[in-house]
């Protein structure tokens, strides 16, 4: 998924620093497994609160991580990206 170049640099550096391989988790839970949904929701809410004006934070815009994913996939489809490529 496309991302801001600065974020991409940070994530690539983390991958290199941690020596991650394809299929490894970029962010792990306490016991090395998948992060709990509640942890992701709290982090997402904190990030939104930190960067959005109050009226946008209180709106449904990007309230869930899924909302951003759904919006991006819909835009790609509307822009003519083949569905198989979007699904990939």
C-alpha atoms as a PDB file:
ATOM      1  CA  UNK A   1       0.000   0.000   0.000  1.00  0.00           C
ATOM      2  CA  UNK A   2       1.362   3.456  -0.816  1.00  0.00           C
ATOM      3  CA  UNK A   3       2.627   5.447   2.120  1.00  0.00           C
ATOM      4  CA  UNK A   4       4.322   8.732   2.874  1.00  0.00           C
ATOM      5  CA  UNK A   5       8.039   8.546   1.981  1.00  0.00           C
ATOM      6  CA  UNK A   6       9.094   9.508   5.524  1.00  0.00           C
ATOM      7  CA  UNK A   7       7.007   6.691   7.010  1.00  0.00           C
ATOM      8  CA  UNK A   8       8.344   4.262   4.415  1.00  0.00           C
ATOM      9  CA  UNK A   9      11.920   5.145   5.443  1.00  0.00           C
ATOM     10  CA  UNK A  10      11.088   4.572   9.134  1.00  0.00           C
ATOM     11  CA  UNK A  11       9.471   1.201   8.432  1.00  0.00           C
ATOM     12  CA  UNK A  12      12.302   0.042   6.175  1.00  0.00           C
ATOM     13  CA  UNK A  13      14.816   1.032   8.836  1.00  0.00           C
ATOM     14  CA  UNK A  14      12.886  -0.978  11.448  1.00  0.00           C
ATOM     15  CA  UNK A  15      12.858  -3.996   9.119  1.00  0.00           C
ATOM     16  CA  UNK A  16      16.604  -3.699   8.643  1.00  0.00           C
ATOM     17  CA  UNK A  17      17.338  -3.085  12.349  1.00  0.00           C
ATOM     18  CA  UNK A  18      15.263  -6.096  13.414  1.00  0.00           C
ATOM     19  CA  UNK A  19      16.562  -8.309  10.597  1.00  0.00           C
ATOM     20  CA  UNK A  20      13.009  -9.150   9.567  1.00  0.00           C
ATOM     21  CA  UNK A  21      12.345 -11.575   6.733  1.00  0.00           C
ATOM     22  CA  UNK A  22       9.239 -11.913   4.521  1.00  0.00           C
ATOM     23  CA  UNK A  23       6.400 -13.220   6.669  1.00  0.00           C
ATOM     24  CA  UNK A  24       7.841 -11.871   9.943  1.00  0.00           C
ATOM     25  CA  UNK A  25       5.652  -9.554  12.004  1.00  0.00           C
ATOM     26  CA  UNK A  26       6.674  -5.903  11.819  1.00  0.00           C
ATOM     27  CA  UNK A  27       5.111  -5.216  15.220  1.00  0.00           C
ATOM     28  CA  UNK A  28       4.658  -8.048  17.687  1.00  0.00           C
ATOM     29  CA  UNK A  29       2.510  -8.529  20.740  1.00  0.00           C
ATOM     30  CA  UNK A  30       3.918  -9.037  24.224  1.00  0.00           C
ATOM     31  CA  UNK A  31       4.581 -12.734  23.656  1.00  0.00           C
ATOM     32  CA  UNK A  32       5.905 -12.362  20.118  1.00  0.00           C
ATOM     33  CA  UNK A  33       2.585 -13.038  18.401  1.00  0.00           C
ATOM     34  CA  UNK A  34       0.059 -10.831  16.681  1.00  0.00           C
ATOM     35  CA  UNK A  35      -0.813  -7.555  18.398  1.00  0.00           C
ATOM     36  CA  UNK A  36      -4.157  -7.581  20.179  1.00  0.00           C
ATOM     37  CA  UNK A  37      -6.902  -5.630  18.447  1.00  0.00           C
ATOM     38  CA  UNK A  38      -7.360  -3.504  21.560  1.00  0.00           C
ATOM     39  CA  UNK A  39      -3.701  -2.405  21.378  1.00  0.00           C
ATOM     40  CA  UNK A  40      -4.069  -1.410  17.732  1.00  0.00           C
ATOM     41  CA  UNK A  41      -7.307   0.484  18.423  1.00  0.00           C
ATOM     42  CA  UNK A  42      -5.749   2.429  21.329  1.00  0.00           C
ATOM     43  CA  UNK A  43      -2.658   3.316  19.277  1.00  0.00           C
ATOM     44  CA  UNK A  44      -4.803   4.382  16.312  1.00  0.00           C
ATOM     45  CA  UNK A  45      -7.030   6.544  18.535  1.00  0.00           C
ATOM     46  CA  UNK A  46      -3.989   8.200  20.148  1.00  0.00           C
ATOM     47  CA  UNK A  47      -2.393   8.879  16.763  1.00  0.00           C
ATOM     48  CA  UNK A  48      -5.609  10.400  15.392  1.00  0.00           C
ATOM     49  CA  UNK A  49      -6.001  12.569  18.495  1.00  0.00           C
ATOM     50  CA  UNK A  50      -2.386  13.774  18.168  1.00  0.00           C
ATOM     51  CA  UNK A  51      -2.634  14.924  14.553  1.00  0.00           C
ATOM     52  CA  UNK A  52      -6.258  15.793  13.814  1.00  0.00           C
ATOM     53  CA  UNK A  53      -8.158  18.936  14.747  1.00  0.00           C
ATOM     54  CA  UNK A  54     -10.854  18.139  17.348  1.00  0.00           C
ATOM     55  CA  UNK A  55     -13.770  18.398  14.897  1.00  0.00           C
ATOM     56  CA  UNK A  56     -12.159  15.853  12.547  1.00  0.00           C
ATOM     57  CA  UNK A  57     -11.122  13.563  15.411  1.00  0.00           C
ATOM     58  CA  UNK A  58     -14.738  13.480  16.625  1.00  0.00           C
ATOM     59  CA  UNK A  59     -16.043  12.747  13.107  1.00  0.00           C
ATOM     60  CA  UNK A  60     -16.230   9.238  11.632  1.00  0.00           C
ATOM     61  CA  UNK A  61     -13.367  10.068   9.223  1.00  0.00           C
ATOM     62  CA  UNK A  62     -10.745   7.365   9.597  1.00  0.00           C
ATOM     63  CA  UNK A  63     -12.142   6.330  12.962  1.00  0.00           C
ATOM     64  CA  UNK A  64     -11.097   2.726  12.349  1.00  0.00           C
ATOM     65  CA  UNK A  65      -7.966   1.514  10.546  1.00  0.00           C
ATOM     66  CA  UNK A  66     -10.312  -0.471   8.290  1.00  0.00           C
ATOM     67  CA  UNK A  67     -11.951   2.769   7.120  1.00  0.00           C
ATOM     68  CA  UNK A  68      -8.678   3.952   5.575  1.00  0.00           C
ATOM     69  CA  UNK A  69      -8.053   0.579   3.937  1.00  0.00           C
ATOM     70  CA  UNK A  70     -11.564   0.497   2.512  1.00  0.00           C
ATOM     71  CA  UNK A  71     -11.267   4.056   1.185  1.00  0.00           C
ATOM     72  CA  UNK A  72      -7.933   3.326  -0.515  1.00  0.00           C
ATOM     73  CA  UNK A  73      -9.151   0.092  -2.126  1.00  0.00           C
ATOM     74  CA  UNK A  74     -12.330   1.786  -3.362  1.00  0.00           C
ATOM     75  CA  UNK A  75     -10.300   4.651  -4.848  1.00  0.00           C
ATOM     76  CA  UNK A  76      -8.015   2.223  -6.686  1.00  0.00           C
ATOM     77  CA  UNK A  77     -11.016   0.395  -8.144  1.00  0.00           C
ATOM     78  CA  UNK A  78     -12.671   3.682  -9.151  1.00  0.00           C
ATOM     79  CA  UNK A  79      -9.392   4.773 -10.768  1.00  0.00           C
ATOM     80  CA  UNK A  80      -9.440   1.659 -12.939  1.00  0.00           C
ATOM     81  CA  UNK A  81      -6.866  -0.504 -11.181  1.00  0.00           C
ATOM     82  CA  UNK A  82      -7.743  -4.113 -12.090  1.00  0.00           C
ATOM     83  CA  UNK A  83      -9.628  -5.852  -9.249  1.00  0.00           C
ATOM     84  CA  UNK A  84      -7.138  -8.740  -9.172  1.00  0.00           C
ATOM     85  CA  UNK A  85      -4.308  -6.259  -8.597  1.00  0.00           C
ATOM     86  CA  UNK A  86      -6.281  -4.490  -5.849  1.00  0.00           C
ATOM     87  CA  UNK A  87      -6.993  -7.850  -4.212  1.00  0.00           C
ATOM     88  CA  UNK A  88      -3.301  -8.716  -4.272  1.00  0.00           C
END
